[in-house]
PDB file of N, CA and C in Angstrom:
ATOM      1  N   MET A   1     -37.637  94.106 -60.341  1.00  0.00           N
ATOM      2  CA  MET A   1     -38.480  93.689 -61.438  1.00  0.00           C
ATOM      3  C   MET A   1     -38.845  94.870 -62.284  1.00  0.00           C
ATOM      4  N   GLY A   2     -39.348  95.917 -61.776  1.00  0.00           N
ATOM      5  CA  GLY A   2     -39.756  97.114 -62.511  1.00  0.00           C
ATOM      6  C   GLY A   2     -40.835  96.739 -63.458  1.00  0.00           C
ATOM      7  N   GLY A   3     -41.538  97.701 -63.995  1.00  0.00           N
ATOM      8  CA  GLY A   3     -42.611  97.390 -64.914  1.00  0.00           C
ATOM      9  C   GLY A   3     -43.939  97.864 -64.425  1.00  0.00           C
ATOM     10  N   GLY A   4     -44.062  98.254 -63.180  1.00  0.00           N
ATOM     11  CA  GLY A   4     -45.240  98.833 -62.623  1.00  0.00           C
ATOM     12  C   GLY A   4     -46.428  98.011 -62.861  1.00  0.00           C
ATOM     13  N   SER A   5     -47.474  98.574 -63.470  1.00  0.00           N
ATOM     14  CA  SER A   5     -48.746  97.852 -63.665  1.00  0.00           C
ATOM     15  C   SER A   5     -48.713  97.008 -64.907  1.00  0.00           C
ATOM     16  N   ASN A   6     -47.560  96.935 -65.643  1.00  0.00           N
ATOM     17  CA  ASN A   6     -47.494  96.107 -66.811  1.00  0.00           C
ATOM     18  C   ASN A   6     -46.885  94.721 -66.494  1.00  0.00           C
ATOM     19  N   MET A   7     -46.957  94.326 -65.258  1.00  0.00           N
ATOM     20  CA  MET A   7     -46.443  93.024 -64.835  1.00  0.00           C
ATOM     21  C   MET A   7     -47.205  91.926 -65.492  1.00  0.00           C
ATOM     22  N   ALA A   8     -46.505  90.895 -65.951  1.00  0.00           N
ATOM     23  CA  ALA A   8     -47.153  89.765 -66.578  1.00  0.00           C
ATOM     24  C   ALA A   8     -47.770  88.874 -65.508  1.00  0.00           C
ATOM     25  N   VAL A   9     -48.965  88.343 -65.776  1.00  0.00           N
ATOM     26  CA  VAL A   9     -49.598  87.405 -64.871  1.00  0.00           C
ATOM     27  C   VAL A   9     -48.980  86.024 -65.103  1.00  0.00           C
ATOM     28  N   LYS A  10     -48.273  85.526 -64.115  1.00  0.00           N
ATOM     29  CA  LYS A  10     -47.550  84.273 -64.347  1.00  0.00           C
ATOM     30  C   LYS A  10     -48.135  83.092 -63.620  1.00  0.00           C
ATOM     31  N   SER A  11     -49.177  83.309 -62.842  1.00  0.00           N
ATOM     32  CA  SER A  11     -49.751  82.168 -62.141  1.00  0.00           C
ATOM     33  C   SER A  11     -51.264  82.236 -62.153  1.00  0.00           C
ATOM     34  N   SER A  12     -51.886  81.095 -61.951  1.00  0.00           N
ATOM     35  CA  SER A  12     -53.293  81.061 -61.887  1.00  0.00           C
ATOM     36  C   SER A  12     -53.850  81.809 -60.697  1.00  0.00           C
ATOM     37  N   THR A  13     -53.056  81.827 -59.603  1.00  0.00           N
ATOM     38  CA  THR A  13     -53.441  82.561 -58.408  1.00  0.00           C
ATOM     39  C   THR A  13     -53.568  84.045 -58.703  1.00  0.00           C
ATOM     40  N   LYS A  14     -52.533  84.589 -59.314  1.00  0.00           N
ATOM     41  CA  LYS A  14     -52.591  86.068 -59.694  1.00  0.00           C
ATOM     42  C   LYS A  14     -53.741  86.332 -60.644  1.00  0.00           C
ATOM     43  N   LYS A  15     -53.903  85.480 -61.625  1.00  0.00           N
ATOM     44  CA  LYS A  15     -54.938  85.661 -62.581  1.00  0.00           C
ATOM     45  C   LYS A  15     -56.310  85.663 -61.901  1.00  0.00           C
ATOM     46  N   ARG A  16     -56.520  84.720 -60.988  1.00  0.00           N
ATOM     47  CA  ARG A  16     -57.812  84.620 -60.250  1.00  0.00           C
ATOM     48  C   ARG A  16     -58.060  85.854 -59.428  1.00  0.00           C
ATOM     49  N   LEU A  17     -57.020  86.351 -58.727  1.00  0.00           N
ATOM     50  CA  LEU A  17     -57.168  87.546 -57.865  1.00  0.00           C
ATOM     51  C   LEU A  17     -57.500  88.765 -58.735  1.00  0.00           C
ATOM     52  N   ILE A  18     -56.904  88.858 -59.914  1.00  0.00           N
ATOM     53  CA  ILE A  18     -57.181  89.963 -60.804  1.00  0.00           C
ATOM     54  C   ILE A  18     -58.630  89.853 -61.309  1.00  0.00           C
ATOM     55  N   GLU A  19     -59.045  88.670 -61.672  1.00  0.00           N
ATOM     56  CA  GLU A  19     -60.419  88.432 -62.112  1.00  0.00           C
ATOM     57  C   GLU A  19     -61.439  88.833 -61.039  1.00  0.00           C
ATOM     58  N   LEU A  20     -61.071  88.662 -59.768  1.00  0.00           N
ATOM     59  CA  LEU A  20     -61.959  88.966 -58.681  1.00  0.00           C
ATOM     60  C   LEU A  20     -62.008  90.458 -58.355  1.00  0.00           C
ATOM     61  N   GLY A  21     -61.127  91.249 -58.987  1.00  0.00           N
ATOM     62  CA  GLY A  21     -61.174  92.691 -58.810  1.00  0.00           C
ATOM     63  C   GLY A  21     -60.061  93.264 -58.004  1.00  0.00           C
ATOM     64  N   ILE A  22     -59.058  92.521 -57.644  1.00  0.00           N
ATOM     65  CA  ILE A  22     -57.923  93.054 -56.944  1.00  0.00           C
ATOM     66  C   ILE A  22     -56.967  93.704 -57.953  1.00  0.00           C
ATOM     67  N   PRO A  23     -56.496  94.919 -57.721  1.00  0.00           N
ATOM     68  CA  PRO A  23     -55.604  95.529 -58.689  1.00  0.00           C
ATOM     69  C   PRO A  23     -54.389  94.707 -59.000  1.00  0.00           C
ATOM     70  N   VAL A  24     -53.874  94.804 -60.234  1.00  0.00           N
ATOM     71  CA  VAL A  24     -52.791  93.915 -60.730  1.00  0.00           C
ATOM     72  C   VAL A  24     -51.584  93.951 -59.844  1.00  0.00           C
ATOM     73  N   ASP A  25     -51.120  95.172 -59.469  1.00  0.00           N
ATOM     74  CA  ASP A  25     -49.863  95.219 -58.644  1.00  0.00           C
ATOM     75  C   ASP A  25     -50.083  94.550 -57.260  1.00  0.00           C
ATOM     76  N   GLN A  26     -51.223  94.754 -56.670  1.00  0.00           N
ATOM     77  CA  GLN A  26     -51.494  94.118 -55.371  1.00  0.00           C
ATOM     78  C   GLN A  26     -51.707  92.609 -55.512  1.00  0.00           C
ATOM     79  N   ALA A  27     -52.335  92.167 -56.573  1.00  0.00           N
ATOM     80  CA  ALA A  27     -52.488  90.752 -56.827  1.00  0.00           C
ATOM     81  C   ALA A  27     -51.143  90.084 -57.032  1.00  0.00           C
ATOM     82  N   HIS A  28     -50.250  90.785 -57.774  1.00  0.00           N
ATOM     83  CA  HIS A  28     -48.909  90.261 -57.948  1.00  0.00           C
ATOM     84  C   HIS A  28     -48.180  90.037 -56.650  1.00  0.00           C
ATOM     85  N   LYS A  29     -48.217  91.044 -55.779  1.00  0.00           N
ATOM     86  CA  LYS A  29     -47.565  90.947 -54.483  1.00  0.00           C
ATOM     87  C   LYS A  29     -48.201  89.858 -53.606  1.00  0.00           C
ATOM     88  N   LEU A  30     -49.521  89.820 -53.599  1.00  0.00           N
ATOM     89  CA  LEU A  30     -50.232  88.897 -52.738  1.00  0.00           C
ATOM     90  C   LEU A  30     -50.026  87.474 -53.167  1.00  0.00           C
ATOM     91  N   ALA A  31     -49.958  87.227 -54.441  1.00  0.00           N
ATOM     92  CA  ALA A  31     -49.833  85.849 -54.956  1.00  0.00           C
ATOM     93  C   ALA A  31     -48.420  85.314 -55.012  1.00  0.00           C
ATOM     94  N   ASP A  32     -47.434  86.186 -54.710  1.00  0.00           N
ATOM     95  CA  ASP A  32     -46.056  85.760 -54.706  1.00  0.00           C
ATOM     96  C   ASP A  32     -45.787  84.708 -53.666  1.00  0.00           C
ATOM     97  N   ASP A  33     -45.407  83.519 -54.117  1.00  0.00           N
ATOM     98  CA  ASP A  33     -45.113  82.377 -53.242  1.00  0.00           C
ATOM     99  C   ASP A  33     -46.340  81.988 -52.360  1.00  0.00           C
ATOM    100  N   ALA A  34     -47.534  82.122 -52.839  1.00  0.00           N
ATOM    101  CA  ALA A  34     -48.721  81.747 -52.058  1.00  0.00           C
ATOM    102  C   ALA A  34     -49.814  81.279 -53.019  1.00  0.00           C
ATOM    103  N   ASN A  35     -50.501  80.226 -52.624  1.00  0.00           N
ATOM    104  CA  ASN A  35     -51.671  79.783 -53.423  1.00  0.00           C
ATOM    105  C   ASN A  35     -52.928  80.372 -52.772  1.00  0.00           C
ATOM    106  N   LEU A  36     -54.063  80.126 -53.405  1.00  0.00           N
ATOM    107  CA  LEU A  36     -55.348  80.732 -52.941  1.00  0.00           C
ATOM    108  C   LEU A  36     -55.687  80.270 -51.545  1.00  0.00           C
ATOM    109  N   ASP A  37     -55.409  79.018 -51.222  1.00  0.00           N
ATOM    110  CA  ASP A  37     -55.732  78.508 -49.867  1.00  0.00           C
ATOM    111  C   ASP A  37     -54.869  79.267 -48.827  1.00  0.00           C
ATOM    112  N   ALA A  38     -53.626  79.449 -49.119  1.00  0.00           N
ATOM    113  CA  ALA A  38     -52.747  80.156 -48.204  1.00  0.00           C
ATOM    114  C   ALA A  38     -53.172  81.616 -48.022  1.00  0.00           C
ATOM    115  N   ILE A  39     -53.551  82.236 -49.104  1.00  0.00           N
ATOM    116  CA  ILE A  39     -54.055  83.615 -49.060  1.00  0.00           C
ATOM    117  C   ILE A  39     -55.327  83.714 -48.218  1.00  0.00           C
ATOM    118  N   LYS A  40     -56.212  82.792 -48.408  1.00  0.00           N
ATOM    119  CA  LYS A  40     -57.482  82.819 -47.632  1.00  0.00           C
ATOM    120  C   LYS A  40     -57.223  82.656 -46.142  1.00  0.00           C
ATOM    121  N   ARG A  41     -56.184  81.922 -45.728  1.00  0.00           N
ATOM    122  CA  ARG A  41     -55.863  81.762 -44.333  1.00  0.00           C
ATOM    123  C   ARG A  41     -55.102  82.869 -43.725  1.00  0.00           C
ATOM    124  N   MET A  42     -54.609  83.835 -44.524  1.00  0.00           N
ATOM    125  CA  MET A  42     -53.841  84.981 -44.031  1.00  0.00           C
ATOM    126  C   MET A  42     -54.720  85.925 -43.172  1.00  0.00           C
ATOM    127  N   SER A  43     -54.104  86.474 -42.141  1.00  0.00           N
ATOM    128  CA  SER A  43     -54.805  87.435 -41.348  1.00  0.00           C
ATOM    129  C   SER A  43     -54.759  88.795 -42.043  1.00  0.00           C
ATOM    130  N   ARG A  44     -55.538  89.741 -41.525  1.00  0.00           N
ATOM    131  CA  ARG A  44     -55.576  91.109 -42.106  1.00  0.00           C
ATOM    132  C   ARG A  44     -54.125  91.688 -42.075  1.00  0.00           C
ATOM    133  N   GLU A  45     -53.437  91.521 -40.953  1.00  0.00           N
ATOM    134  CA  GLU A  45     -52.107  92.071 -40.837  1.00  0.00           C
ATOM    135  C   GLU A  45     -51.150  91.481 -41.814  1.00  0.00           C
ATOM    136  N   GLN A  46     -51.242  90.157 -42.022  1.00  0.00           N
ATOM    137  CA  GLN A  46     -50.351  89.488 -43.009  1.00  0.00           C
ATOM    138  C   GLN A  46     -50.629  89.996 -44.429  1.00  0.00           C
ATOM    139  N   VAL A  47     -51.889  90.177 -44.793  1.00  0.00           N
ATOM    140  CA  VAL A  47     -52.219  90.664 -46.108  1.00  0.00           C
ATOM    141  C   VAL A  47     -51.688  92.095 -46.288  1.00  0.00           C
ATOM    142  N   ALA A  48     -51.876  92.922 -45.266  1.00  0.00           N
ATOM    143  CA  ALA A  48     -51.394  94.312 -45.321  1.00  0.00           C
ATOM    144  C   ALA A  48     -49.900  94.368 -45.539  1.00  0.00           C
ATOM    145  N   LYS A  49     -49.177  93.533 -44.786  1.00  0.00           N
ATOM    146  CA  LYS A  49     -47.743  93.497 -44.850  1.00  0.00           C
ATOM    147  C   LYS A  49     -47.284  93.020 -46.226  1.00  0.00           C
ATOM    148  N   LYS A  50     -47.912  91.944 -46.759  1.00  0.00           N
ATOM    149  CA  LYS A  50     -47.525  91.383 -48.016  1.00  0.00           C
ATOM    150  C   LYS A  50     -47.812  92.358 -49.177  1.00  0.00           C
ATOM    151  N   VAL A  51     -48.977  93.040 -49.106  1.00  0.00           N
ATOM    152  CA  VAL A  51     -49.318  93.978 -50.193  1.00  0.00           C
ATOM    153  C   VAL A  51     -48.596  95.289 -50.068  1.00  0.00           C
ATOM    154  N   GLY A  52     -48.204  95.621 -48.786  1.00  0.00           N
ATOM    155  CA  GLY A  52     -47.445  96.848 -48.562  1.00  0.00           C
ATOM    156  C   GLY A  52     -48.295  98.060 -48.379  1.00  0.00           C
ATOM    157  N   ILE A  53     -49.472  97.879 -47.725  1.00  0.00           N
ATOM    158  CA  ILE A  53     -50.364  99.043 -47.439  1.00  0.00           C
ATOM    159  C   ILE A  53     -50.700  99.051 -45.977  1.00  0.00           C
ATOM    160  N   GLU A  54     -51.196 100.226 -45.499  1.00  0.00           N
ATOM    161  CA  GLU A  54     -51.526 100.348 -44.103  1.00  0.00           C
ATOM    162  C   GLU A  54     -52.794  99.568 -43.783  1.00  0.00           C
ATOM    163  N   GLU A  55     -52.931  99.103 -42.546  1.00  0.00           N
ATOM    164  CA  GLU A  55     -54.105  98.321 -42.164  1.00  0.00           C
ATOM    165  C   GLU A  55     -55.395  99.127 -42.179  1.00  0.00           C
ATOM    166  N   SER A  56     -55.290 100.475 -42.049  1.00  0.00           N
ATOM    167  CA  SER A  56     -56.469 101.293 -41.938  1.00  0.00           C
ATOM    168  C   SER A  56     -56.949 101.761 -43.324  1.00  0.00           C
ATOM    169  N   VAL A  57     -56.245 101.424 -44.398  1.00  0.00           N
ATOM    170  CA  VAL A  57     -56.623 101.894 -45.713  1.00  0.00           C
ATOM    171  C   VAL A  57     -57.818 101.073 -46.274  1.00  0.00           C
ATOM    172  N   SER A  58     -58.750 101.768 -46.953  1.00  0.00           N
ATOM    173  CA  SER A  58     -59.939 101.108 -47.448  1.00  0.00           C
ATOM    174  C   SER A  58     -59.652 100.091 -48.523  1.00  0.00           C
ATOM    175  N   GLU A  59     -58.495 100.234 -49.170  1.00  0.00           N
ATOM    176  CA  GLU A  59     -58.110  99.207 -50.191  1.00  0.00           C
ATOM    177  C   GLU A  59     -57.959  97.861 -49.555  1.00  0.00           C
ATOM    178  N   LEU A  60     -57.471  97.855 -48.288  1.00  0.00           N
ATOM    179  CA  LEU A  60     -57.313  96.576 -47.603  1.00  0.00           C
ATOM    180  C   LEU A  60     -58.660  95.940 -47.263  1.00  0.00           C
ATOM    181  N   ASP A  61     -59.613  96.824 -46.949  1.00  0.00           N
ATOM    182  CA  ASP A  61     -60.998  96.317 -46.698  1.00  0.00           C
ATOM    183  C   ASP A  61     -61.517  95.621 -47.950  1.00  0.00           C
ATOM    184  N   HIS A  62     -61.282  96.265 -49.093  1.00  0.00           N
ATOM    185  CA  HIS A  62     -61.726  95.685 -50.374  1.00  0.00           C
ATOM    186  C   HIS A  62     -61.053  94.323 -50.613  1.00  0.00           C
ATOM    187  N   ILE A  63     -59.731  94.256 -50.416  1.00  0.00           N
ATOM    188  CA  ILE A  63     -59.018  92.993 -50.617  1.00  0.00           C
ATOM    189  C   ILE A  63     -59.513  91.940 -49.736  1.00  0.00           C
ATOM    190  N   MET A  64     -59.664  92.258 -48.491  1.00  0.00           N
ATOM    191  CA  MET A  64     -60.142  91.274 -47.467  1.00  0.00           C
ATOM    192  C   MET A  64     -61.515  90.776 -47.826  1.00  0.00           C
ATOM    193  N   SER A  65     -62.386  91.673 -48.251  1.00  0.00           N
ATOM    194  CA  SER A  65     -63.762  91.224 -48.601  1.00  0.00           C
ATOM    195  C   SER A  65     -63.768  90.344 -49.808  1.00  0.00           C
ATOM    196  N   VAL A  66     -62.940  90.650 -50.811  1.00  0.00           N
ATOM    197  CA  VAL A  66     -62.805  89.822 -52.005  1.00  0.00           C
ATOM    198  C   VAL A  66     -62.340  88.418 -51.615  1.00  0.00           C
ATOM    199  N   ILE A  67     -61.261  88.409 -50.760  1.00  0.00           N
ATOM    200  CA  ILE A  67     -60.662  87.145 -50.357  1.00  0.00           C
ATOM    201  C   ILE A  67     -61.676  86.271 -49.605  1.00  0.00           C
ATOM    202  N   SER A  68     -62.378  86.893 -48.671  1.00  0.00           N
ATOM    203  CA  SER A  68     -63.298  86.123 -47.835  1.00  0.00           C
ATOM    204  C   SER A  68     -64.519  85.622 -48.629  1.00  0.00           C
ATOM    205  N   GLU A  69     -64.997  86.444 -49.591  1.00  0.00           N
ATOM    206  CA  GLU A  69     -66.189  86.082 -50.325  1.00  0.00           C
ATOM    207  C   GLU A  69     -65.927  85.101 -51.481  1.00  0.00           C
ATOM    208  N   HIS A  70     -64.834  85.345 -52.197  1.00  0.00           N
ATOM    209  CA  HIS A  70     -64.663  84.655 -53.488  1.00  0.00           C
ATOM    210  C   HIS A  70     -63.607  83.597 -53.576  1.00  0.00           C
ATOM    211  N   VAL A  71     -62.539  83.705 -52.833  1.00  0.00           N
ATOM    212  CA  VAL A  71     -61.426  82.735 -52.974  1.00  0.00           C
ATOM    213  C   VAL A  71     -61.947  81.399 -52.539  1.00  0.00           C
ATOM    214  N   GLY A  72     -61.739  80.430 -53.452  1.00  0.00           N
ATOM    215  CA  GLY A  72     -62.146  79.077 -53.143  1.00  0.00           C
ATOM    216  C   GLY A  72     -63.626  78.790 -53.249  1.00  0.00           C
ATOM    217  N   SER A  73     -64.378  79.754 -53.802  1.00  0.00           N
ATOM    218  CA  SER A  73     -65.816  79.574 -53.862  1.00  0.00           C
ATOM    219  C   SER A  73     -66.278  78.882 -55.144  1.00  0.00           C
ATOM    220  N   ARG A  74     -65.375  78.436 -55.949  1.00  0.00           N
ATOM    221  CA  ARG A  74     -65.806  77.725 -57.165  1.00  0.00           C
ATOM    222  C   ARG A  74     -66.370  76.390 -56.722  1.00  0.00           C
ATOM    223  N   LYS A  75     -67.659  76.219 -56.949  1.00  0.00           N
ATOM    224  CA  LYS A  75     -68.327  75.020 -56.572  1.00  0.00           C
ATOM    225  C   LYS A  75     -68.178  73.978 -57.660  1.00  0.00           C
ATOM    226  N   ARG A  76     -67.956  72.759 -57.275  1.00  0.00           N
ATOM    227  CA  ARG A  76     -67.849  71.682 -58.286  1.00  0.00           C
ATOM    228  C   ARG A  76     -69.216  71.435 -58.826  1.00  0.00           C
ATOM    229  N   SER A  77     -69.243  71.190 -60.124  1.00  0.00           N
ATOM    230  CA  SER A  77     -70.546  70.879 -60.728  1.00  0.00           C
ATOM    231  C   SER A  77     -70.998  69.493 -60.256  1.00  0.00           C
ATOM    232  N   LYS A  78     -72.233  69.378 -59.990  1.00  0.00           N
ATOM    233  CA  LYS A  78     -72.841  68.128 -59.507  1.00  0.00           C
ATOM    234  C   LYS A  78     -72.775  67.081 -60.637  1.00  0.00           C
ATOM    235  N   SER A  79     -72.192  65.947 -60.343  1.00  0.00           N
ATOM    236  CA  SER A  79     -72.173  64.931 -61.371  1.00  0.00           C
ATOM    237  C   SER A  79     -73.410  64.080 -61.299  1.00  0.00           C
ATOM    238  N   ASN A  80     -73.779  63.479 -62.384  1.00  0.00           N
ATOM    239  CA  ASN A  80     -74.965  62.628 -62.449  1.00  0.00           C
ATOM    240  C   ASN A  80     -74.621  61.208 -62.339  1.00  0.00           C
ATOM    241  N   ARG A  81     -73.412  60.885 -61.922  1.00  0.00           N
ATOM    242  CA  ARG A  81     -73.005  59.515 -61.755  1.00  0.00           C
ATOM    243  C   ARG A  81     -73.724  58.868 -60.569  1.00  0.00           C
ATOM    244  N   ILE A  82     -74.078  57.614 -60.781  1.00  0.00           N
ATOM    245  CA  ILE A  82     -74.700  56.886 -59.702  1.00  0.00           C
ATOM    246  C   ILE A  82     -73.652  55.833 -59.234  1.00  0.00           C
ATOM    247  N   THR A  83     -73.354  55.897 -57.945  1.00  0.00           N
ATOM    248  CA  THR A  83     -72.396  55.021 -57.391  1.00  0.00           C
ATOM    249  C   THR A  83     -73.008  53.779 -56.868  1.00  0.00           C
ATOM    250  N   ILE A  84     -72.600  52.636 -57.333  1.00  0.00           N
ATOM    251  CA  ILE A  84     -73.079  51.338 -56.854  1.00  0.00           C
ATOM    252  C   ILE A  84     -71.934  50.697 -56.127  1.00  0.00           C
ATOM    253  N   SER A  85     -72.176  50.260 -54.953  1.00  0.00           N
ATOM    254  CA  SER A  85     -71.112  49.684 -54.144  1.00  0.00           C
ATOM    255  C   SER A  85     -70.678  48.376 -54.768  1.00  0.00           C
ATOM    256  N   ARG A  86     -69.405  48.042 -54.569  1.00  0.00           N
ATOM    257  CA  ARG A  86     -68.856  46.792 -55.079  1.00  0.00           C
ATOM    258  C   ARG A  86     -69.584  45.601 -54.455  1.00  0.00           C
ATOM    259  N   LYS A  87     -69.877  45.711 -53.180  1.00  0.00           N
ATOM    260  CA  LYS A  87     -70.557  44.630 -52.433  1.00  0.00           C
ATOM    261  C   LYS A  87     -71.880  44.327 -53.085  1.00  0.00           C
ATOM    262  N   ALA A  88     -72.639  45.397 -53.419  1.00  0.00           N
ATOM    263  CA  ALA A  88     -73.977  45.223 -54.055  1.00  0.00           C
ATOM    264  C   ALA A  88     -73.859  44.477 -55.376  1.00  0.00           C
ATOM    265  N   LEU A  89     -72.835  44.846 -56.137  1.00  0.00           N
ATOM    266  CA  LEU A  89     -72.656  44.168 -57.415  1.00  0.00           C
ATOM    267  C   LEU A  89     -72.293  42.677 -57.218  1.00  0.00           C
ATOM    268  N   LEU A  90     -71.426  42.446 -56.275  1.00  0.00           N
ATOM    269  CA  LEU A  90     -70.997  41.050 -55.988  1.00  0.00           C
ATOM    270  C   LEU A  90     -72.161  40.215 -55.477  1.00  0.00           C
ATOM    271  N   ASP A  91     -72.914  40.783 -54.566  1.00  0.00           N
ATOM    272  CA  ASP A  91     -74.075  40.073 -53.994  1.00  0.00           C
ATOM    273  C   ASP A  91     -75.075  39.724 -55.076  1.00  0.00           C
ATOM    274  N   GLU A  92     -75.271  40.586 -56.042  1.00  0.00           N
ATOM    275  CA  GLU A  92     -76.250  40.311 -57.107  1.00  0.00           C
ATOM    276  C   GLU A  92     -75.784  39.188 -57.988  1.00  0.00           C
ATOM    277  N   ASP A  93     -74.512  38.981 -58.167  1.00  0.00           N
ATOM    278  CA  ASP A  93     -73.991  37.980 -59.048  1.00  0.00           C
ATOM    279  C   ASP A  93     -73.894  36.605 -58.429  1.00  0.00           C
ATOM    280  N   ILE A  94     -74.045  36.541 -57.146  1.00  0.00           N
ATOM    281  CA  ILE A  94     -73.869  35.227 -56.449  1.00  0.00           C
ATOM    282  C   ILE A  94     -75.224  34.483 -56.561  1.00  0.00           C
ATOM    283  N   PRO A  95     -75.122  33.196 -57.164  1.00  0.00           N
ATOM    284  CA  PRO A  95     -76.361  32.401 -57.239  1.00  0.00           C
ATOM    285  C   PRO A  95     -76.776  31.955 -55.854  1.00  0.00           C
ATOM    286  N   THR A  96     -78.127  32.011 -55.649  1.00  0.00           N
ATOM    287  CA  THR A  96     -78.641  31.662 -54.343  1.00  0.00           C
ATOM    288  C   THR A  96     -79.150  30.240 -54.296  1.00  0.00           C
ATOM    289  N   GLY A  97     -79.122  29.539 -55.373  1.00  0.00           N
ATOM    290  CA  GLY A  97     -79.582  28.165 -55.403  1.00  0.00           C
ATOM    291  C   GLY A  97     -81.069  27.990 -55.678  1.00  0.00           C
ATOM    292  N   ASP A  98     -81.709  29.086 -56.058  1.00  0.00           N
ATOM    293  CA  ASP A  98     -83.142  29.028 -56.357  1.00  0.00           C
ATOM    294  C   ASP A  98     -83.418  28.340 -57.681  1.00  0.00           C
ATOM    295  N   TYR A  99     -82.508  28.480 -58.590  1.00  0.00           N
ATOM    296  CA  TYR A  99     -82.660  27.856 -59.899  1.00  0.00           C
ATOM    297  C   TYR A  99     -81.337  27.365 -60.400  1.00  0.00           C
ATOM    298  N   ARG A 100     -81.372  26.527 -61.376  1.00  0.00           N
ATOM    299  CA  ARG A 100     -80.155  25.946 -61.991  1.00  0.00           C
ATOM    300  C   ARG A 100     -80.237  26.130 -63.508  1.00  0.00           C
ATOM    301  N   PHE A 101     -79.128  26.307 -64.120  1.00  0.00           N
ATOM    302  CA  PHE A 101     -79.076  26.419 -65.605  1.00  0.00           C
ATOM    303  C   PHE A 101     -78.626  25.083 -66.158  1.00  0.00           C
ATOM    304  N   ASN A 102     -79.479  24.533 -67.045  1.00  0.00           N
ATOM    305  CA  ASN A 102     -79.120  23.290 -67.679  1.00  0.00           C
ATOM    306  C   ASN A 102     -78.309  23.611 -68.951  1.00  0.00           C
ATOM    307  N   VAL A 103     -77.020  23.268 -68.879  1.00  0.00           N
ATOM    308  CA  VAL A 103     -76.085  23.633 -69.960  1.00  0.00           C
ATOM    309  C   VAL A 103     -76.462  22.916 -71.243  1.00  0.00           C
ATOM    310  N   LEU A 104     -76.905  21.693 -71.146  1.00  0.00           N
ATOM    311  CA  LEU A 104     -77.232  20.930 -72.358  1.00  0.00           C
ATOM    312  C   LEU A 104     -78.451  21.445 -73.091  1.00  0.00           C
ATOM    313  N   ASN A 105     -79.435  21.854 -72.332  1.00  0.00           N
ATOM    314  CA  ASN A 105     -80.688  22.293 -72.998  1.00  0.00           C
ATOM    315  C   ASN A 105     -80.856  23.836 -73.058  1.00  0.00           C
ATOM    316  N   HIS A 106     -79.985  24.542 -72.423  1.00  0.00           N
ATOM    317  CA  HIS A 106     -79.950  25.988 -72.454  1.00  0.00           C
ATOM    318  C   HIS A 106     -81.229  26.635 -71.917  1.00  0.00           C
ATOM    319  N   PHE A 107     -81.766  26.098 -70.829  1.00  0.00           N
ATOM    320  CA  PHE A 107     -82.906  26.742 -70.199  1.00  0.00           C
ATOM    321  C   PHE A 107     -82.837  26.533 -68.695  1.00  0.00           C
ATOM    322  N   LEU A 108     -83.570  27.334 -67.933  1.00  0.00           N
ATOM    323  CA  LEU A 108     -83.574  27.270 -66.512  1.00  0.00           C
ATOM    324  C   LEU A 108     -84.426  26.095 -66.058  1.00  0.00           C
ATOM    325  N   VAL A 109     -83.901  25.357 -65.058  1.00  0.00           N
ATOM    326  CA  VAL A 109     -84.660  24.207 -64.528  1.00  0.00           C
ATOM    327  C   VAL A 109     -85.256  24.625 -63.194  1.00  0.00           C
TER     328      VAL A 109
END
């Protein structure tokens, strides 16, 4: 590939990792053929191997802390929708026989 740190961000996974503070070249290696869920499930050894650094390096500590704290932490905004069950709607529409509608006079009897 070549290009060093001028690699283009081609996926949302790489972009998200870079936004979270992982260096571009490491984000590129880490996100290659992996989505954020797969990255979050990786062990420390797997991340070190994929990024190509030693397990004892502090850079790996930084990457692991970013992954554990931030990946997948986008919370869905709470919707204000009120869910009414279909059964409740159907039950409400069923006449119970308490009153009748007189079609000819258009009033309740």
